[in-house]
C-alpha atoms as a PDB file:
ATOM      1  CA  MET A   1      15.584   3.563 -16.174  1.00  0.00           C
ATOM      2  CA  LYS A   2      16.841   2.575 -12.745  1.00  0.00           C
ATOM      3  CA  THR A   3      15.360  -0.523 -11.144  1.00  0.00           C
ATOM      4  CA  VAL A   4      15.182  -1.921  -7.625  1.00  0.00           C
ATOM      5  CA  LYS A   5      15.287  -5.603  -6.724  1.00  0.00           C
ATOM      6  CA  LEU A   6      12.397  -6.819  -4.578  1.00  0.00           C
ATOM      7  CA  ASN A   7      13.040  -9.340  -1.814  1.00  0.00           C
ATOM      8  CA  ASN A   8      11.955 -12.190  -4.097  1.00  0.00           C
ATOM      9  CA  GLY A   9      14.484 -11.194  -6.782  1.00  0.00           C
ATOM     10  CA  ILE A  10      12.019  -9.460  -9.148  1.00  0.00           C
ATOM     11  CA  GLU A  11      13.255  -6.202 -10.723  1.00  0.00           C
ATOM     12  CA  MET A  12      10.893  -3.214 -10.451  1.00  0.00           C
ATOM     13  CA  PRO A  13      11.369   0.137 -12.251  1.00  0.00           C
ATOM     14  CA  MET A  14      11.986   3.020  -9.847  1.00  0.00           C
ATOM     15  CA  LEU A  15       9.860   5.492 -11.782  1.00  0.00           C
ATOM     16  CA  GLY A  16       6.382   4.791 -13.068  1.00  0.00           C
ATOM     17  CA  PHE A  17       3.128   6.306 -14.218  1.00  0.00           C
ATOM     18  CA  GLY A  18       0.262   6.654 -11.750  1.00  0.00           C
ATOM     19  CA  THR A  19      -3.355   6.449 -12.900  1.00  0.00           C
ATOM     20  CA  TYR A  20      -5.250   7.677  -9.825  1.00  0.00           C
ATOM     21  CA  GLN A  21      -8.211   9.857 -10.900  1.00  0.00           C
ATOM     22  CA  ILE A  22      -7.627   9.151 -14.584  1.00  0.00           C
ATOM     23  CA  THR A  23     -11.081   8.225 -15.857  1.00  0.00           C
ATOM     24  CA  ALA A  24     -11.757   4.882 -17.461  1.00  0.00           C
ATOM     25  CA  ASN A  25     -12.490   6.635 -20.757  1.00  0.00           C
ATOM     26  CA  SER A  26      -9.104   8.375 -20.898  1.00  0.00           C
ATOM     27  CA  THR A  27      -6.901   5.649 -19.423  1.00  0.00           C
ATOM     28  CA  LEU A  28      -6.096   3.992 -22.751  1.00  0.00           C
ATOM     29  CA  LEU A  29      -4.977   7.295 -24.287  1.00  0.00           C
ATOM     30  CA  ASN A  30      -2.823   8.387 -21.345  1.00  0.00           C
ATOM     31  CA  VAL A  31      -1.218   5.051 -20.519  1.00  0.00           C
ATOM     32  CA  ALA A  32      -0.456   4.459 -24.207  1.00  0.00           C
ATOM     33  CA  LYS A  33       1.217   7.877 -24.289  1.00  0.00           C
ATOM     34  CA  ALA A  34       3.245   7.043 -21.168  1.00  0.00           C
ATOM     35  CA  LEU A  35       4.406   3.757 -22.664  1.00  0.00           C
ATOM     36  CA  ARG A  36       5.521   5.527 -25.857  1.00  0.00           C
ATOM     37  CA  LEU A  37       7.568   7.937 -23.722  1.00  0.00           C
ATOM     38  CA  GLY A  38       9.383   5.048 -22.047  1.00  0.00           C
ATOM     39  CA  TYR A  39       7.466   4.413 -18.829  1.00  0.00           C
ATOM     40  CA  ARG A  40       7.578   0.728 -17.930  1.00  0.00           C
ATOM     41  CA  LEU A  41       5.848   0.775 -14.526  1.00  0.00           C
ATOM     42  CA  ILE A  42       2.090   1.454 -14.520  1.00  0.00           C
ATOM     43  CA  ASP A  43       0.165   1.771 -11.251  1.00  0.00           C
ATOM     44  CA  THR A  44      -3.580   1.102 -11.120  1.00  0.00           C
ATOM     45  CA  ALA A  45      -6.112  -0.194  -8.580  1.00  0.00           C
ATOM     46  CA  GLN A  46      -9.542  -1.758  -8.368  1.00  0.00           C
ATOM     47  CA  TYR A  47     -10.771   1.478  -6.770  1.00  0.00           C
ATOM     48  CA  TYR A  48      -9.639   3.532  -9.796  1.00  0.00           C
ATOM     49  CA  GLY A  49     -11.880   1.592 -12.178  1.00  0.00           C
ATOM     50  CA  ASN A  50      -9.312   1.714 -14.978  1.00  0.00           C
ATOM     51  CA  GLU A  51      -7.566  -1.681 -14.948  1.00  0.00           C
ATOM     52  CA  GLU A  52      -9.201  -2.487 -18.296  1.00  0.00           C
ATOM     53  CA  GLY A  53      -7.756   0.623 -19.932  1.00  0.00           C
ATOM     54  CA  VAL A  54      -4.273  -0.219 -18.675  1.00  0.00           C
ATOM     55  CA  GLY A  55      -4.499  -3.669 -20.250  1.00  0.00           C
ATOM     56  CA  GLU A  56      -5.757  -2.214 -23.516  1.00  0.00           C
ATOM     57  CA  ALA A  57      -2.895   0.279 -23.629  1.00  0.00           C
ATOM     58  CA  ILE A  58      -0.304  -2.471 -23.200  1.00  0.00           C
ATOM     59  CA  LYS A  59      -1.845  -4.477 -26.034  1.00  0.00           C
ATOM     60  CA  GLU A  60      -2.008  -1.404 -28.262  1.00  0.00           C
ATOM     61  CA  SER A  61       1.633  -0.528 -27.510  1.00  0.00           C
ATOM     62  CA  GLY A  62       2.922  -3.718 -29.103  1.00  0.00           C
ATOM     63  CA  LEU A  63       5.261  -4.216 -26.143  1.00  0.00           C
ATOM     64  CA  ALA A  64       5.745  -7.735 -24.857  1.00  0.00           C
ATOM     65  CA  ARG A  65       3.793  -8.193 -21.629  1.00  0.00           C
ATOM     66  CA  GLU A  66       6.952  -8.950 -19.648  1.00  0.00           C
ATOM     67  CA  ARG A  67       8.406  -5.543 -20.542  1.00  0.00           C
ATOM     68  CA  VAL A  68       5.745  -3.647 -18.567  1.00  0.00           C
ATOM     69  CA  PHE A  69       5.505  -3.857 -14.771  1.00  0.00           C
ATOM     70  CA  VAL A  70       1.883  -3.418 -13.679  1.00  0.00           C
ATOM     71  CA  THR A  71       0.717  -2.865 -10.111  1.00  0.00           C
ATOM     72  CA  THR A  72      -2.878  -3.095  -8.936  1.00  0.00           C
ATOM     73  CA  LYS A  73      -4.378  -2.792  -5.476  1.00  0.00           C
ATOM     74  CA  VAL A  74      -7.219  -4.849  -4.000  1.00  0.00           C
ATOM     75  CA  GLN A  75     -10.135  -2.963  -2.428  1.00  0.00           C
ATOM     76  CA  THR A  76     -11.563  -6.012  -0.650  1.00  0.00           C
ATOM     77  CA  SER A  77     -11.634  -7.520   2.838  1.00  0.00           C
ATOM     78  CA  GLY A  78     -11.195 -11.183   3.681  1.00  0.00           C
ATOM     79  CA  TYR A  79     -10.057 -14.266   1.806  1.00  0.00           C
ATOM     80  CA  LYS A  80     -13.042 -15.120  -0.392  1.00  0.00           C
ATOM     81  CA  GLU A  81     -13.866 -11.560  -1.414  1.00  0.00           C
ATOM     82  CA  THR A  82     -10.229 -10.864  -2.257  1.00  0.00           C
ATOM     83  CA  ARG A  83      -9.834 -14.025  -4.345  1.00  0.00           C
ATOM     84  CA  GLN A  84     -12.969 -13.189  -6.310  1.00  0.00           C
ATOM     85  CA  GLY A  85     -12.002  -9.536  -6.699  1.00  0.00           C
ATOM     86  CA  LEU A  86      -8.514 -10.329  -7.927  1.00  0.00           C
ATOM     87  CA  ASP A  87      -9.815 -12.834 -10.470  1.00  0.00           C
ATOM     88  CA  GLN A  88     -12.216 -10.165 -11.749  1.00  0.00           C
ATOM     89  CA  SER A  89      -9.332  -7.694 -11.975  1.00  0.00           C
ATOM     90  CA  LEU A  90      -7.405 -10.150 -14.143  1.00  0.00           C
ATOM     91  CA  ILE A  91     -10.448 -10.484 -16.400  1.00  0.00           C
ATOM     92  CA  ASP A  92     -10.751  -6.690 -16.665  1.00  0.00           C
ATOM     93  CA  PHE A  93      -7.001  -6.327 -17.253  1.00  0.00           C
ATOM     94  CA  ASN A  94      -7.251  -9.088 -19.881  1.00  0.00           C
ATOM     95  CA  GLN A  95      -3.869 -10.563 -18.996  1.00  0.00           C
ATOM     96  CA  ASP A  96      -2.700 -13.680 -17.159  1.00  0.00           C
ATOM     97  CA  TYR A  97      -0.970 -11.976 -14.248  1.00  0.00           C
ATOM     98  CA  PHE A  98      -0.160  -8.757 -12.417  1.00  0.00           C
ATOM     99  CA  ASP A  99       3.431  -7.946 -11.544  1.00  0.00           C
ATOM    100  CA  LEU A 100       2.531  -6.571  -8.122  1.00  0.00           C
ATOM    101  CA  VAL A 101      -0.657  -6.671  -6.043  1.00  0.00           C
ATOM    102  CA  LEU A 102      -1.036  -4.570  -2.906  1.00  0.00           C
ATOM    103  CA  ILE A 103      -3.686  -4.374  -0.208  1.00  0.00           C
ATOM    104  CA  HIS A 104      -4.892  -0.823  -0.843  1.00  0.00           C
ATOM    105  CA  TRP A 105      -5.820   0.044   2.741  1.00  0.00           C
ATOM    106  CA  PRO A 106      -5.860  -1.634   6.151  1.00  0.00           C
ATOM    107  CA  MET A 107      -9.439  -2.924   6.306  1.00  0.00           C
ATOM    108  CA  GLY A 108      -9.600  -4.883   9.567  1.00  0.00           C
ATOM    109  CA  ASN A 109      -9.367  -8.374   8.083  1.00  0.00           C
ATOM    110  CA  ASP A 110      -5.943  -7.872   6.556  1.00  0.00           C
ATOM    111  CA  LEU A 111      -4.421 -11.233   7.465  1.00  0.00           C
ATOM    112  CA  GLU A 112      -7.068 -13.109   5.478  1.00  0.00           C
ATOM    113  CA  THR A 113      -6.859 -10.585   2.639  1.00  0.00           C
ATOM    114  CA  TYR A 114      -3.102 -11.020   2.550  1.00  0.00           C
ATOM    115  CA  ARG A 115      -3.452 -14.810   2.612  1.00  0.00           C
ATOM    116  CA  ALA A 116      -5.579 -14.536  -0.524  1.00  0.00           C
ATOM    117  CA  ILE A 117      -2.912 -12.611  -2.425  1.00  0.00           C
ATOM    118  CA  GLU A 118      -0.254 -14.995  -1.061  1.00  0.00           C
ATOM    119  CA  ASP A 119      -2.170 -17.859  -2.678  1.00  0.00           C
ATOM    120  CA  ALA A 120      -2.511 -15.901  -5.925  1.00  0.00           C
ATOM    121  CA  TYR A 121       1.263 -15.398  -5.814  1.00  0.00           C
ATOM    122  CA  LYS A 122       1.855 -19.125  -5.336  1.00  0.00           C
ATOM    123  CA  GLU A 123      -0.447 -19.831  -8.306  1.00  0.00           C
ATOM    124  CA  GLY A 124       1.464 -17.469 -10.619  1.00  0.00           C
ATOM    125  CA  LYS A 125      -1.318 -14.891 -10.929  1.00  0.00           C
ATOM    126  CA  VAL A 126       0.928 -12.351  -9.220  1.00  0.00           C
ATOM    127  CA  ARG A 127       4.715 -11.911  -9.390  1.00  0.00           C
ATOM    128  CA  ALA A 128       5.043  -9.881  -6.189  1.00  0.00           C
ATOM    129  CA  ILE A 129       2.808  -8.822  -3.294  1.00  0.00           C
ATOM    130  CA  GLY A 130       2.721  -6.045  -0.754  1.00  0.00           C
ATOM    131  CA  LEU A 131       0.818  -3.336   1.066  1.00  0.00           C
ATOM    132  CA  SER A 132      -0.310   0.272   0.750  1.00  0.00           C
ATOM    133  CA  ASN A 133      -1.028   2.794   3.519  1.00  0.00           C
ATOM    134  CA  PHE A 134       0.225   0.383   6.197  1.00  0.00           C
ATOM    135  CA  ASN A 135       2.275   1.800   9.071  1.00  0.00           C
ATOM    136  CA  ALA A 136       5.164  -0.033  10.736  1.00  0.00           C
ATOM    137  CA  SER A 137       3.099  -1.916  13.312  1.00  0.00           C
ATOM    138  CA  GLN A 138       0.571  -2.967  10.664  1.00  0.00           C
ATOM    139  CA  VAL A 139       3.336  -4.170   8.346  1.00  0.00           C
ATOM    140  CA  GLN A 140       4.918  -6.073  11.224  1.00  0.00           C
ATOM    141  CA  GLU A 141       1.639  -7.840  11.952  1.00  0.00           C
ATOM    142  CA  ILE A 142       1.571  -9.098   8.358  1.00  0.00           C
ATOM    143  CA  ILE A 143       5.204 -10.228   8.577  1.00  0.00           C
ATOM    144  CA  ASP A 144       4.615 -12.063  11.858  1.00  0.00           C
ATOM    145  CA  ASN A 145       1.550 -13.928  10.622  1.00  0.00           C
ATOM    146  CA  SER A 146       2.356 -14.757   7.002  1.00  0.00           C
ATOM    147  CA  SER A 147       4.597 -17.100   5.068  1.00  0.00           C
ATOM    148  CA  ILE A 148       5.626 -14.531   2.447  1.00  0.00           C
ATOM    149  CA  LYS A 149       7.116 -11.200   3.487  1.00  0.00           C
ATOM    150  CA  PRO A 150       5.586  -8.142   1.789  1.00  0.00           C
ATOM    151  CA  MET A 151       7.826  -6.821  -0.976  1.00  0.00           C
ATOM    152  CA  VAL A 152       6.534  -3.235  -1.203  1.00  0.00           C
ATOM    153  CA  ASP A 153       4.718  -0.690   0.971  1.00  0.00           C
ATOM    154  CA  GLN A 154       3.229   2.169  -1.052  1.00  0.00           C
ATOM    155  CA  ILE A 155       2.651   5.231   1.140  1.00  0.00           C
ATOM    156  CA  GLU A 156       2.190   8.968   0.750  1.00  0.00           C
ATOM    157  CA  THR A 157       5.715  10.350   0.402  1.00  0.00           C
ATOM    158  CA  HIS A 158       6.926  13.675  -0.948  1.00  0.00           C
ATOM    159  CA  ILE A 159       9.303  16.532  -0.193  1.00  0.00           C
ATOM    160  CA  LEU A 160       7.163  17.807   2.708  1.00  0.00           C
ATOM    161  CA  TRP A 161       6.540  14.337   4.198  1.00  0.00           C
ATOM    162  CA  GLN A 162       9.517  12.162   3.468  1.00  0.00           C
ATOM    163  CA  GLN A 163       8.465   9.281   5.734  1.00  0.00           C
ATOM    164  CA  GLN A 164      12.003   8.924   7.070  1.00  0.00           C
ATOM    165  CA  ARG A 165      10.936   6.765  10.020  1.00  0.00           C
ATOM    166  CA  MET A 166       8.919   4.411   7.815  1.00  0.00           C
ATOM    167  CA  HIS A 167      11.723   4.373   5.250  1.00  0.00           C
ATOM    168  CA  ASP A 168      14.211   3.179   7.860  1.00  0.00           C
ATOM    169  CA  TYR A 169      11.793   0.487   9.071  1.00  0.00           C
ATOM    170  CA  LEU A 170      11.078  -0.745   5.541  1.00  0.00           C
ATOM    171  CA  THR A 171      14.766  -0.746   4.601  1.00  0.00           C
ATOM    172  CA  GLU A 172      15.643  -2.757   7.715  1.00  0.00           C
ATOM    173  CA  ASN A 173      13.021  -5.323   6.700  1.00  0.00           C
ATOM    174  CA  ASN A 174      14.068  -5.458   3.036  1.00  0.00           C
ATOM    175  CA  ILE A 175      10.727  -4.023   1.865  1.00  0.00           C
ATOM    176  CA  VAL A 176      10.730  -1.452  -0.935  1.00  0.00           C
ATOM    177  CA  HIS A 177       9.381   1.995  -0.067  1.00  0.00           C
ATOM    178  CA  GLU A 178       7.120   3.280  -2.850  1.00  0.00           C
ATOM    179  CA  SER A 179       5.792   6.842  -2.950  1.00  0.00           C
ATOM    180  CA  TYR A 180       2.368   7.917  -4.078  1.00  0.00           C
ATOM    181  CA  ALA A 181       1.687  11.659  -4.499  1.00  0.00           C
ATOM    182  CA  PRO A 182       5.441  12.360  -4.929  1.00  0.00           C
ATOM    183  CA  LEU A 183       4.602  15.780  -6.405  1.00  0.00           C
ATOM    184  CA  GLY A 184       1.865  16.636  -3.927  1.00  0.00           C
ATOM    185  CA  GLU A 185      -0.998  15.890  -6.328  1.00  0.00           C
ATOM    186  CA  ALA A 186      -0.640  19.356  -7.885  1.00  0.00           C
ATOM    187  CA  ASN A 187      -1.561  21.185  -4.689  1.00  0.00           C
ATOM    188  CA  PRO A 188      -1.075  24.939  -5.308  1.00  0.00           C
ATOM    189  CA  GLY A 189       2.365  26.165  -4.308  1.00  0.00           C
ATOM    190  CA  PHE A 190       3.593  22.694  -3.373  1.00  0.00           C
ATOM    191  CA  LEU A 191       6.752  22.944  -5.486  1.00  0.00           C
ATOM    192  CA  ASP A 192       7.283  26.712  -5.096  1.00  0.00           C
ATOM    193  CA  ILE A 193      10.183  26.181  -2.720  1.00  0.00           C
ATOM    194  CA  PRO A 194      13.298  28.337  -3.296  1.00  0.00           C
ATOM    195  CA  VAL A 195      15.823  25.529  -2.765  1.00  0.00           C
ATOM    196  CA  LEU A 196      14.056  23.350  -5.367  1.00  0.00           C
ATOM    197  CA  GLU A 197      14.175  26.219  -7.836  1.00  0.00           C
ATOM    198  CA  GLU A 198      17.813  26.959  -7.009  1.00  0.00           C
ATOM    199  CA  ILE A 199      18.939  23.371  -7.537  1.00  0.00           C
ATOM    200  CA  GLY A 200      16.781  23.132 -10.651  1.00  0.00           C
ATOM    201  CA  ARG A 201      18.505  26.135 -12.239  1.00  0.00           C
ATOM    202  CA  LYS A 202      21.899  24.493 -11.682  1.00  0.00           C
ATOM    203  CA  TYR A 203      20.890  21.352 -13.564  1.00  0.00           C
ATOM    204  CA  GLN A 204      18.390  23.015 -15.920  1.00  0.00           C
ATOM    205  CA  LYS A 205      15.591  20.983 -14.364  1.00  0.00           C
ATOM    206  CA  THR A 206      12.181  21.853 -12.944  1.00  0.00           C
ATOM    207  CA  PRO A 207      11.381  21.677  -9.200  1.00  0.00           C
ATOM    208  CA  ALA A 208       9.297  18.569  -9.971  1.00  0.00           C
ATOM    209  CA  GLN A 209      12.259  16.886 -11.642  1.00  0.00           C
ATOM    210  CA  VAL A 210      14.524  17.755  -8.696  1.00  0.00           C
ATOM    211  CA  THR A 211      11.947  16.317  -6.285  1.00  0.00           C
ATOM    212  CA  LEU A 212      11.591  13.038  -8.191  1.00  0.00           C
ATOM    213  CA  ARG A 213      15.356  12.718  -8.516  1.00  0.00           C
ATOM    214  CA  TYR A 214      15.766  13.281  -4.768  1.00  0.00           C
ATOM    215  CA  LEU A 215      13.251  10.579  -3.849  1.00  0.00           C
ATOM    216  CA  ILE A 216      14.826   8.068  -6.228  1.00  0.00           C
ATOM    217  CA  GLN A 217      18.287   8.776  -4.810  1.00  0.00           C
ATOM    218  CA  CYS A 218      16.784   8.042  -1.390  1.00  0.00           C
ATOM    219  CA  GLY A 219      15.880   4.590  -2.743  1.00  0.00           C
ATOM    220  CA  ILE A 220      12.167   5.348  -3.080  1.00  0.00           C
ATOM    221  CA  VAL A 221      10.064   4.232  -6.066  1.00  0.00           C
ATOM    222  CA  VAL A 222       7.906   7.076  -7.456  1.00  0.00           C
ATOM    223  CA  ILE A 223       4.707   7.004  -9.538  1.00  0.00           C
ATOM    224  CA  PRO A 224       3.823  10.599 -10.516  1.00  0.00           C
ATOM    225  CA  LYS A 225       0.487  11.035 -12.284  1.00  0.00           C
ATOM    226  CA  THR A 226      -0.231  13.587 -14.983  1.00  0.00           C
ATOM    227  CA  THR A 227      -2.245  13.808 -18.184  1.00  0.00           C
ATOM    228  CA  ASN A 228      -0.109  16.719 -19.410  1.00  0.00           C
ATOM    229  CA  THR A 229       2.230  15.453 -22.140  1.00  0.00           C
ATOM    230  CA  LYS A 230       4.963  17.970 -21.322  1.00  0.00           C
ATOM    231  CA  HIS A 231       4.908  16.973 -17.659  1.00  0.00           C
ATOM    232  CA  MET A 232       4.957  13.282 -18.607  1.00  0.00           C
ATOM    233  CA  GLU A 233       8.094  13.932 -20.639  1.00  0.00           C
ATOM    234  CA  GLU A 234       9.724  15.935 -17.847  1.00  0.00           C
ATOM    235  CA  ASN A 235       8.909  13.425 -15.111  1.00  0.00           C
ATOM    236  CA  ILE A 236      10.784  10.630 -16.833  1.00  0.00           C
ATOM    237  CA  ASP A 237      13.715  12.859 -17.852  1.00  0.00           C
ATOM    238  CA  ILE A 238      15.543  12.680 -14.530  1.00  0.00           C
ATOM    239  CA  PHE A 239      18.304  10.148 -15.133  1.00  0.00           C
ATOM    240  CA  ASP A 240      20.861  12.501 -16.681  1.00  0.00           C
ATOM    241  CA  PHE A 241      21.842  14.315 -13.477  1.00  0.00           C
ATOM    242  CA  GLU A 242      22.653  13.432  -9.883  1.00  0.00           C
ATOM    243  CA  LEU A 243      22.227  15.475  -6.719  1.00  0.00           C
ATOM    244  CA  ASN A 244      25.349  15.827  -4.583  1.00  0.00           C
ATOM    245  CA  GLY A 245      25.553  15.242  -0.846  1.00  0.00           C
ATOM    246  CA  GLU A 246      25.069  18.895   0.079  1.00  0.00           C
ATOM    247  CA  GLU A 247      21.974  19.166  -2.106  1.00  0.00           C
ATOM    248  CA  MET A 248      20.528  15.960  -0.685  1.00  0.00           C
ATOM    249  CA  ALA A 249      21.023  17.325   2.837  1.00  0.00           C
ATOM    250  CA  LYS A 250      19.271  20.599   1.967  1.00  0.00           C
ATOM    251  CA  LEU A 251      16.296  18.729   0.560  1.00  0.00           C
ATOM    252  CA  ARG A 252      16.115  16.429   3.571  1.00  0.00           C
ATOM    253  CA  GLU A 253      15.704  19.531   5.735  1.00  0.00           C
ATOM    254  CA  LEU A 254      12.427  20.320   3.917  1.00  0.00           C
ATOM    255  CA  ASP A 255      10.712  17.384   5.627  1.00  0.00           C
ATOM    256  CA  ALA A 256       7.861  18.871   7.658  1.00  0.00           C
ATOM    257  CA  LYS A 257       6.091  15.515   8.244  1.00  0.00           C
ATOM    258  CA  LYS A 258       3.105  17.178   6.608  1.00  0.00           C
ATOM    259  CA  SER A 259       0.442  15.139   4.826  1.00  0.00           C
ATOM    260  CA  ILE A 260      -1.148  16.860   1.847  1.00  0.00           C
ATOM    261  CA  ASP A 261      -4.609  15.968   3.110  1.00  0.00           C
ATOM    262  CA  GLY A 262      -4.132  14.901   6.711  1.00  0.00           C
ATOM    263  CA  TRP A 263      -4.832  11.190   6.276  1.00  0.00           C
ATOM    264  CA  PRO A 264      -4.542   8.330   6.942  1.00  0.00           C
ATOM    265  CA  ALA A 265      -4.029   9.184  10.605  1.00  0.00           C
ATOM    266  CA  THR A 266      -2.403   5.797  11.227  1.00  0.00           C
ATOM    267  CA  MET A 267       0.573   6.906   9.107  1.00  0.00           C
ATOM    268  CA  GLN A 268       1.387   9.872  11.381  1.00  0.00           C
ATOM    269  CA  GLU A 269       4.551   9.008  13.257  1.00  0.00           C
ATOM    270  CA  LYS A 270       2.962   9.620  16.664  1.00  0.00           C
ATOM    271  CA  ASN A 271       0.516   6.778  15.933  1.00  0.00           C
ATOM    272  CA  TYR A 272       3.048   3.968  15.430  1.00  0.00           C
END
């Protein structure tokens, strides 16, 4: 497993398991399966309603808590609401800390929300903090008005919307670029691209594996979600090959700046 160092020195795995739209009832089963397959980054959120299942899966796995990097995202606005919400998340998770806490969406009172997770970080309830769905100007506002620089920005990123402009901005500011929906959330035909299939045949890999490998070689953390065991196995089996410069260039040309669902509008490059 490759890792990336956050700007506070914490190591974060570059490939993880996403839990968006995995029901609370099936979270334990699927996260436990992912942990058995070698995943060590698990991504959850208050909005998903499955933080409890993630905590249960870690306990069931027998792995030491420090061997699993867990991200959650706060769905709250303002200082007090965020403090209370995060404390409830820790109760649901049934652990002493989260490895990374992000503001899930810009909500209008983001400076106070961020101040709440800054304080949780200072108290040891959180090992790293950051943002999700924030564009460059929104990230800069947080940087300019906070004492702790965000460590991660999790944004929609995939082969058809590679977020090259945001990636450059985040890299310049020493903030890790993390991709959600790296495989297009199983949209029909998303991976039926000839160049992905061509490169995949060369390395005996699927188009999904080629896509994940490409994003990681770009320095982007990926958290594909699946409840299909075969796909879980394939998604993590991407560290035994490396794309060459010509292949990377071909894949970069696939960037159409196309969101899979057209939102959030603030992330479109013309809006920041």
